[in-house]
Protein backbone atom coordinates (compact mmCIF):
# COMPACT_ATOMS: atom_id res chain seq x y z
CA UNK A 1 -42.85 7.26 -43.56
CA UNK A 2 -42.99 5.19 -40.36
CA UNK A 3 -46.23 4.82 -38.47
CA UNK A 4 -46.83 6.73 -35.28
CA UNK A 5 -47.24 4.99 -31.93
CA UNK A 6 -49.63 6.62 -29.46
CA UNK A 7 -51.92 5.71 -26.58
CA UNK A 8 -55.34 4.74 -27.94
CA UNK A 9 -57.15 7.96 -27.06
CA UNK A 10 -54.47 10.08 -28.75
CA UNK A 11 -54.27 7.73 -31.74
CA UNK A 12 -58.03 7.94 -32.31
CA UNK A 13 -57.69 11.40 -33.85
CA UNK A 14 -55.38 9.97 -36.51
CA UNK A 15 -57.68 7.12 -37.55
CA UNK A 16 -60.18 7.43 -40.40
CA UNK A 17 -63.84 7.30 -39.31
CA UNK A 18 -64.28 3.75 -40.65
CA UNK A 19 -62.04 0.76 -41.17
CA UNK A 20 -61.06 -2.40 -39.36
CA UNK A 21 -58.44 -2.49 -36.65
CA UNK A 22 -56.10 -5.37 -35.91
CA UNK A 23 -55.68 -6.20 -32.22
CA UNK A 24 -52.54 -7.90 -30.94
CA UNK A 25 -51.71 -9.74 -27.74
CA UNK A 26 -47.92 -10.07 -27.79
CA UNK A 27 -46.46 -12.97 -25.89
CA UNK A 28 -42.93 -14.29 -25.77
CA UNK A 29 -43.85 -17.38 -27.83
CA UNK A 30 -47.04 -16.36 -29.63
CA UNK A 31 -48.95 -13.37 -30.93
CA UNK A 32 -52.72 -13.46 -30.61
CA UNK A 33 -54.45 -11.64 -33.46
CA UNK A 34 -57.99 -10.27 -33.62
CA UNK A 35 -59.81 -7.94 -35.98
CA UNK A 36 -62.76 -5.62 -35.84
CA UNK A 37 -65.54 -4.98 -38.29
CA UNK A 38 -65.16 -1.79 -40.40
CA UNK A 39 -67.56 0.08 -38.09
CA UNK A 40 -65.41 -0.88 -35.09
CA UNK A 41 -68.22 -2.32 -33.01
CA UNK A 42 -67.16 -5.96 -32.61
CA UNK A 43 -63.83 -7.73 -32.25
CA UNK A 44 -63.32 -11.31 -33.42
CA UNK A 45 -60.39 -13.73 -33.12
CA UNK A 46 -58.27 -14.33 -36.22
CA UNK A 47 -55.32 -16.55 -35.43
CA UNK A 48 -52.36 -17.26 -33.19
CA UNK A 49 -48.94 -16.66 -34.71
CA UNK A 50 -46.16 -18.82 -33.30
CA UNK A 51 -43.26 -16.41 -33.05
CA UNK A 52 -40.12 -17.06 -35.03
CA UNK A 53 -38.20 -13.92 -36.02
CA UNK A 54 -39.47 -10.36 -35.89
CA UNK A 55 -39.24 -10.06 -39.68
CA UNK A 56 -41.37 -13.16 -40.31
CA UNK A 57 -43.87 -12.23 -37.59
CA UNK A 58 -44.21 -8.63 -38.83
CA UNK A 59 -44.64 -9.78 -42.43
CA UNK A 60 -47.57 -11.99 -41.36
CA UNK A 61 -49.17 -9.17 -39.33
CA UNK A 62 -48.88 -6.73 -42.22
CA UNK A 63 -50.36 -9.33 -44.58
CA UNK A 64 -53.30 -9.91 -42.20
CA UNK A 65 -53.87 -6.15 -41.99
CA UNK A 66 -53.86 -5.89 -45.79
CA UNK A 67 -56.25 -8.87 -46.19
CA UNK A 68 -58.71 -7.21 -43.83
CA UNK A 69 -58.16 -3.68 -45.20
CA UNK A 70 -57.21 -2.59 -41.69
CA UNK A 71 -56.54 1.07 -40.96
CA UNK A 72 -54.50 0.53 -37.79
CA UNK A 73 -53.14 -1.77 -35.11
CA UNK A 74 -54.04 -1.92 -31.42
CA UNK A 75 -51.31 -3.47 -29.29
CA UNK A 76 -52.05 -4.62 -25.78
CA UNK A 77 -49.61 -2.89 -23.42
CA UNK A 78 -49.01 -5.06 -20.32
CA UNK A 79 -48.96 -2.45 -17.58
CA UNK A 80 -48.36 -3.63 -14.01
CA UNK A 81 -51.22 -3.41 -11.52
CA UNK A 82 -49.54 -0.40 -9.86
CA UNK A 83 -49.47 1.44 -13.21
CA UNK A 84 -45.75 0.99 -13.81
CA UNK A 85 -44.21 -0.59 -16.88
CA UNK A 86 -41.99 -3.63 -16.55
CA UNK A 87 -39.97 -5.69 -19.02
CA UNK A 88 -43.06 -6.97 -20.87
CA UNK A 89 -44.29 -3.42 -21.54
CA UNK A 90 -40.82 -2.39 -22.68
CA UNK A 91 -40.73 -5.38 -25.02
CA UNK A 92 -44.15 -4.41 -26.44
CA UNK A 93 -42.98 -0.84 -27.01
CA UNK A 94 -39.85 -2.14 -28.80
CA UNK A 95 -42.02 -4.39 -30.98
CA UNK A 96 -44.25 -1.40 -31.81
CA UNK A 97 -41.22 0.75 -32.74
CA UNK A 98 -39.90 -1.98 -35.05
CA UNK A 99 -43.32 -2.60 -36.62
CA UNK A 100 -43.75 1.15 -37.18
CA UNK A 101 -40.67 1.09 -39.42
CA UNK A 102 -42.42 -1.41 -41.73
CA UNK A 103 -45.91 0.04 -42.03
CA UNK A 104 -47.66 3.37 -42.30
CA UNK A 105 -50.65 2.09 -40.32
CA UNK A 106 -50.98 3.85 -36.98
CA UNK A 107 -50.22 1.82 -33.86
CA UNK A 108 -52.34 2.44 -30.78
CA UNK A 109 -51.34 1.15 -27.35
CA UNK A 110 -54.09 -0.08 -25.02
CA UNK A 111 -53.77 -1.12 -21.37
CA UNK A 112 -54.24 -4.88 -21.30
CA UNK A 113 -54.07 -5.55 -17.56
CA UNK A 114 -55.61 -8.91 -16.72
CA UNK A 115 -56.78 -9.67 -20.27
CA UNK A 116 -55.32 -13.18 -20.40
CA UNK A 117 -56.58 -13.97 -16.88
CA UNK A 118 -60.08 -12.77 -17.79
CA UNK A 119 -60.13 -14.87 -20.96
CA UNK A 120 -58.82 -17.92 -19.09
CA UNK A 121 -61.70 -17.62 -16.58
CA UNK A 122 -64.26 -17.45 -19.41
CA UNK A 123 -62.77 -20.47 -21.16
CA UNK A 124 -62.70 -22.46 -17.91
CA UNK A 125 -66.33 -21.50 -17.24
CA UNK A 126 -67.14 -22.76 -20.75
CA UNK A 127 -65.53 -26.06 -19.72
CA UNK A 128 -62.81 -25.83 -22.37
CA UNK A 129 -60.07 -28.39 -21.83
CA UNK A 130 -56.55 -27.25 -20.97
CA UNK A 131 -55.43 -28.24 -24.49
CA UNK A 132 -58.27 -26.28 -26.11
CA UNK A 133 -57.58 -23.24 -23.92
CA UNK A 134 -53.89 -23.29 -24.86
CA UNK A 135 -54.77 -23.36 -28.56
CA UNK A 136 -57.07 -20.32 -28.47
CA UNK A 137 -56.18 -18.22 -25.43
CA UNK A 138 -53.86 -15.80 -27.26
CA UNK A 139 -56.29 -14.92 -30.03
CA UNK A 140 -59.11 -14.61 -27.49
CA UNK A 141 -56.91 -12.33 -25.36
CA UNK A 142 -56.30 -10.22 -28.49
CA UNK A 143 -60.07 -10.11 -29.01
CA UNK A 144 -60.61 -9.04 -25.39
CA UNK A 145 -57.97 -6.30 -25.76
CA UNK A 146 -59.39 -5.07 -29.06
CA UNK A 147 -62.98 -5.10 -27.79
CA UNK A 148 -61.95 -2.99 -24.80
CA UNK A 149 -60.27 -0.53 -27.16
CA UNK A 150 -63.32 -0.45 -29.46
CA UNK A 151 -65.62 0.20 -26.52
CA UNK A 152 -63.39 3.08 -25.43
CA UNK A 153 -63.30 4.55 -28.94
CA UNK A 154 -67.11 4.57 -29.05
CA UNK A 155 -67.14 6.76 -25.93
CA UNK A 156 -64.88 9.45 -27.45
């Protein structure tokens, strides 16, 4: 049975009380991946996947979820500042629909406005070189997205 895709607050009722979540920052060339602890208090970066084909990318994501005994995915949904959804959000929704066909793990969508910009500012403040920032920004953006989702789940 395919997974369901819901906004985070709605998806929370379908998640078990414990278990890690996998956070994703989908880009056109890379996918940043983060994970949470089983108690869903803290997000941590995992890796950056350099996109090839959907099948290869999805296989890696499902393998990472299995390795970490994850109970769901959190996908950053790039909503425009005015609240509308543009091509990037539509692409994320399409990715979620395709991933849902390959896994039974629930997929939660979380507003990721400004996540990459926020992470970039932190990395610049930490005096990370442009090369270093490029190597880690996607997984740190996924961590930022997932941490925001975890913080919201704690308030439910």
